[in-house]
């Protein structure tokens, strides 16, 4: 199984809208570049566990609530 293909999608775009947060604001809070957030939202980049955890905590969610995985 290719771990990079396991991640199907994320709810980051939806959660950012709910929290009225820009990509730049999320990137600053997570300590990454805006381009990283864009790439995650487009499904072009699979975040590390640490980054997934950080993003999830910013929204007050679990990793499973933010990132959708398939076995």
N, C-alpha and C. Protein backbone atom coordinates (compact mmCIF):
# COMPACT_ATOMS: atom_id res chain seq x y z
N UNK A 1 0.85 -1.18 0.00
CA UNK A 1 0.00 0.00 0.00
C UNK A 1 0.89 1.24 0.00
N UNK A 2 0.58 2.18 -0.84
CA UNK A 2 1.31 3.44 -0.91
C UNK A 2 0.71 4.40 0.10
N UNK A 3 1.48 4.71 1.13
CA UNK A 3 1.00 5.57 2.21
C UNK A 3 0.57 6.93 1.67
N UNK A 4 1.27 7.45 0.68
CA UNK A 4 0.93 8.76 0.13
C UNK A 4 -0.41 8.76 -0.59
N UNK A 5 -0.89 7.60 -0.99
CA UNK A 5 -2.18 7.51 -1.67
C UNK A 5 -3.31 7.17 -0.70
N UNK A 6 -2.98 6.94 0.56
CA UNK A 6 -3.99 6.59 1.55
C UNK A 6 -4.87 7.79 1.88
N UNK A 7 -4.27 8.96 1.95
CA UNK A 7 -5.03 10.16 2.28
C UNK A 7 -5.90 10.54 1.10
N UNK A 8 -7.20 10.55 1.30
CA UNK A 8 -8.11 10.89 0.21
C UNK A 8 -8.34 12.38 0.10
N UNK A 9 -8.67 13.00 1.21
CA UNK A 9 -8.96 14.42 1.17
C UNK A 9 -8.95 14.99 2.57
N UNK A 10 -9.07 16.28 2.63
CA UNK A 10 -9.14 16.94 3.92
C UNK A 10 -10.31 17.91 3.93
N UNK A 11 -10.71 18.29 5.11
CA UNK A 11 -11.80 19.25 5.27
C UNK A 11 -11.25 20.63 5.59
N UNK A 12 -9.98 20.86 5.33
CA UNK A 12 -9.34 22.13 5.71
C UNK A 12 -10.06 23.32 5.09
N UNK A 13 -10.38 23.23 3.82
CA UNK A 13 -11.05 24.36 3.14
C UNK A 13 -12.37 24.69 3.83
N UNK A 14 -13.15 23.67 4.15
CA UNK A 14 -14.44 23.86 4.81
C UNK A 14 -14.25 24.45 6.20
N UNK A 15 -13.31 23.90 6.95
CA UNK A 15 -13.06 24.39 8.31
C UNK A 15 -12.54 25.82 8.31
N UNK A 16 -11.68 26.14 7.33
CA UNK A 16 -11.20 27.53 7.24
C UNK A 16 -12.36 28.48 7.02
N UNK A 17 -13.28 28.11 6.14
CA UNK A 17 -14.45 28.95 5.86
C UNK A 17 -15.31 29.11 7.11
N UNK A 18 -15.53 28.01 7.82
CA UNK A 18 -16.33 28.07 9.05
C UNK A 18 -15.69 28.97 10.10
N UNK A 19 -14.36 29.00 10.13
CA UNK A 19 -13.63 29.81 11.12
C UNK A 19 -13.22 31.18 10.56
N UNK A 20 -13.68 31.46 9.32
CA UNK A 20 -13.35 32.73 8.65
C UNK A 20 -11.84 32.98 8.67
N UNK A 21 -11.10 31.95 8.26
CA UNK A 21 -9.65 31.97 8.31
C UNK A 21 -9.09 31.85 6.89
N UNK A 22 -8.12 32.67 6.56
CA UNK A 22 -7.48 32.58 5.25
C UNK A 22 -6.41 31.49 5.26
N UNK A 23 -5.97 31.13 4.07
CA UNK A 23 -4.87 30.16 3.98
C UNK A 23 -3.63 30.70 4.69
N UNK A 24 -3.37 31.97 4.53
CA UNK A 24 -2.21 32.60 5.17
C UNK A 24 -2.33 32.55 6.68
N UNK A 25 -3.49 32.85 7.21
CA UNK A 25 -3.68 32.81 8.67
C UNK A 25 -3.47 31.40 9.21
N UNK A 26 -4.01 30.40 8.53
CA UNK A 26 -3.82 29.02 8.96
C UNK A 26 -2.35 28.64 8.87
N UNK A 27 -1.72 29.01 7.78
CA UNK A 27 -0.30 28.70 7.60
C UNK A 27 0.54 29.31 8.73
N UNK A 28 0.27 30.56 9.06
CA UNK A 28 1.01 31.22 10.14
C UNK A 28 0.81 30.51 11.47
N UNK A 29 -0.42 30.12 11.77
CA UNK A 29 -0.71 29.42 13.03
C UNK A 29 -0.05 28.05 13.07
N UNK A 30 0.02 27.40 11.91
CA UNK A 30 0.59 26.05 11.84
C UNK A 30 2.11 26.05 11.66
N UNK A 31 2.67 27.23 11.37
CA UNK A 31 4.11 27.33 11.20
C UNK A 31 4.61 26.78 9.87
N UNK A 32 3.77 26.90 8.84
CA UNK A 32 4.15 26.45 7.50
C UNK A 32 3.86 27.56 6.50
N UNK A 33 4.23 27.33 5.26
CA UNK A 33 3.96 28.33 4.23
C UNK A 33 2.52 28.22 3.73
N UNK A 34 2.04 29.30 3.15
CA UNK A 34 0.71 29.29 2.54
C UNK A 34 0.64 28.25 1.44
N UNK A 35 1.74 28.08 0.71
CA UNK A 35 1.79 27.10 -0.37
C UNK A 35 1.58 25.68 0.15
N UNK A 36 2.07 25.40 1.35
CA UNK A 36 1.85 24.08 1.96
C UNK A 36 0.37 23.84 2.19
N UNK A 37 -0.32 24.85 2.72
CA UNK A 37 -1.76 24.72 2.96
C UNK A 37 -2.50 24.53 1.64
N UNK A 38 -2.12 25.29 0.63
CA UNK A 38 -2.74 25.15 -0.69
C UNK A 38 -2.55 23.72 -1.21
N UNK A 39 -1.34 23.21 -1.09
CA UNK A 39 -1.03 21.86 -1.59
C UNK A 39 -1.81 20.79 -0.84
N UNK A 40 -1.97 20.95 0.47
CA UNK A 40 -2.76 19.99 1.25
C UNK A 40 -4.21 20.04 0.79
N UNK A 41 -4.75 21.25 0.64
CA UNK A 41 -6.15 21.40 0.23
C UNK A 41 -6.40 20.79 -1.15
N UNK A 42 -5.44 20.90 -2.04
CA UNK A 42 -5.59 20.35 -3.39
C UNK A 42 -5.31 18.85 -3.45
N UNK A 43 -4.80 18.29 -2.35
CA UNK A 43 -4.48 16.87 -2.34
C UNK A 43 -3.14 16.54 -2.97
N UNK A 44 -2.31 17.56 -3.16
CA UNK A 44 -0.99 17.36 -3.77
C UNK A 44 0.10 17.10 -2.74
N UNK A 45 -0.22 17.23 -1.47
CA UNK A 45 0.78 17.06 -0.41
C UNK A 45 0.13 16.36 0.77
N UNK A 46 0.78 15.33 1.26
CA UNK A 46 0.30 14.61 2.44
C UNK A 46 1.09 15.14 3.63
N UNK A 47 0.43 15.77 4.59
CA UNK A 47 1.15 16.34 5.73
C UNK A 47 1.71 15.25 6.64
N UNK A 48 2.77 15.61 7.34
CA UNK A 48 3.31 14.71 8.36
C UNK A 48 2.27 14.56 9.46
N UNK A 49 2.45 13.55 10.27
CA UNK A 49 1.55 13.34 11.40
C UNK A 49 1.56 14.57 12.31
N UNK A 50 2.74 15.13 12.54
CA UNK A 50 2.85 16.30 13.41
C UNK A 50 2.07 17.48 12.84
N UNK A 51 2.18 17.71 11.54
CA UNK A 51 1.46 18.83 10.92
C UNK A 51 -0.04 18.57 10.90
N UNK A 52 -0.44 17.34 10.61
CA UNK A 52 -1.87 17.00 10.64
C UNK A 52 -2.44 17.24 12.03
N UNK A 53 -1.69 16.86 13.05
CA UNK A 53 -2.11 17.06 14.44
C UNK A 53 -2.24 18.56 14.74
N UNK A 54 -1.23 19.33 14.34
CA UNK A 54 -1.24 20.78 14.58
C UNK A 54 -2.45 21.44 13.92
N UNK A 55 -2.69 21.12 12.66
CA UNK A 55 -3.82 21.71 11.94
C UNK A 55 -5.14 21.31 12.61
N UNK A 56 -5.24 20.06 12.99
CA UNK A 56 -6.47 19.59 13.65
C UNK A 56 -6.72 20.34 14.94
N UNK A 57 -5.68 20.53 15.74
CA UNK A 57 -5.83 21.23 17.02
C UNK A 57 -6.18 22.70 16.83
N UNK A 58 -5.70 23.32 15.76
CA UNK A 58 -6.05 24.71 15.47
C UNK A 58 -7.57 24.84 15.32
N UNK A 59 -8.19 23.83 14.72
CA UNK A 59 -9.64 23.85 14.53
C UNK A 59 -10.41 23.20 15.67
N UNK A 60 -9.69 22.69 16.68
CA UNK A 60 -10.35 22.04 17.81
C UNK A 60 -10.98 20.71 17.43
N UNK A 61 -10.36 20.02 16.48
CA UNK A 61 -10.87 18.75 15.97
C UNK A 61 -9.81 17.66 16.13
N UNK A 62 -10.24 16.42 15.95
CA UNK A 62 -9.28 15.32 15.89
C UNK A 62 -8.76 15.21 14.46
N UNK A 63 -7.67 14.48 14.30
CA UNK A 63 -7.13 14.27 12.95
C UNK A 63 -8.18 13.61 12.06
N UNK A 64 -8.90 12.66 12.61
CA UNK A 64 -9.91 11.94 11.83
C UNK A 64 -11.06 12.84 11.38
N UNK A 65 -11.31 13.91 12.12
CA UNK A 65 -12.38 14.84 11.74
C UNK A 65 -11.93 15.79 10.63
N UNK A 66 -10.63 15.97 10.48
CA UNK A 66 -10.11 16.90 9.48
C UNK A 66 -9.65 16.17 8.22
N UNK A 67 -9.00 15.04 8.41
CA UNK A 67 -8.44 14.30 7.28
C UNK A 67 -9.20 13.00 7.09
N UNK A 68 -9.55 12.71 5.86
CA UNK A 68 -10.33 11.52 5.53
C UNK A 68 -9.39 10.48 4.94
N UNK A 69 -9.31 9.34 5.61
CA UNK A 69 -8.40 8.28 5.20
C UNK A 69 -9.17 7.08 4.67
N UNK A 70 -8.54 6.33 3.81
CA UNK A 70 -9.10 5.07 3.33
C UNK A 70 -8.02 4.01 3.44
N UNK A 71 -8.39 2.84 3.92
CA UNK A 71 -7.42 1.73 4.04
C UNK A 71 -7.06 1.17 2.69
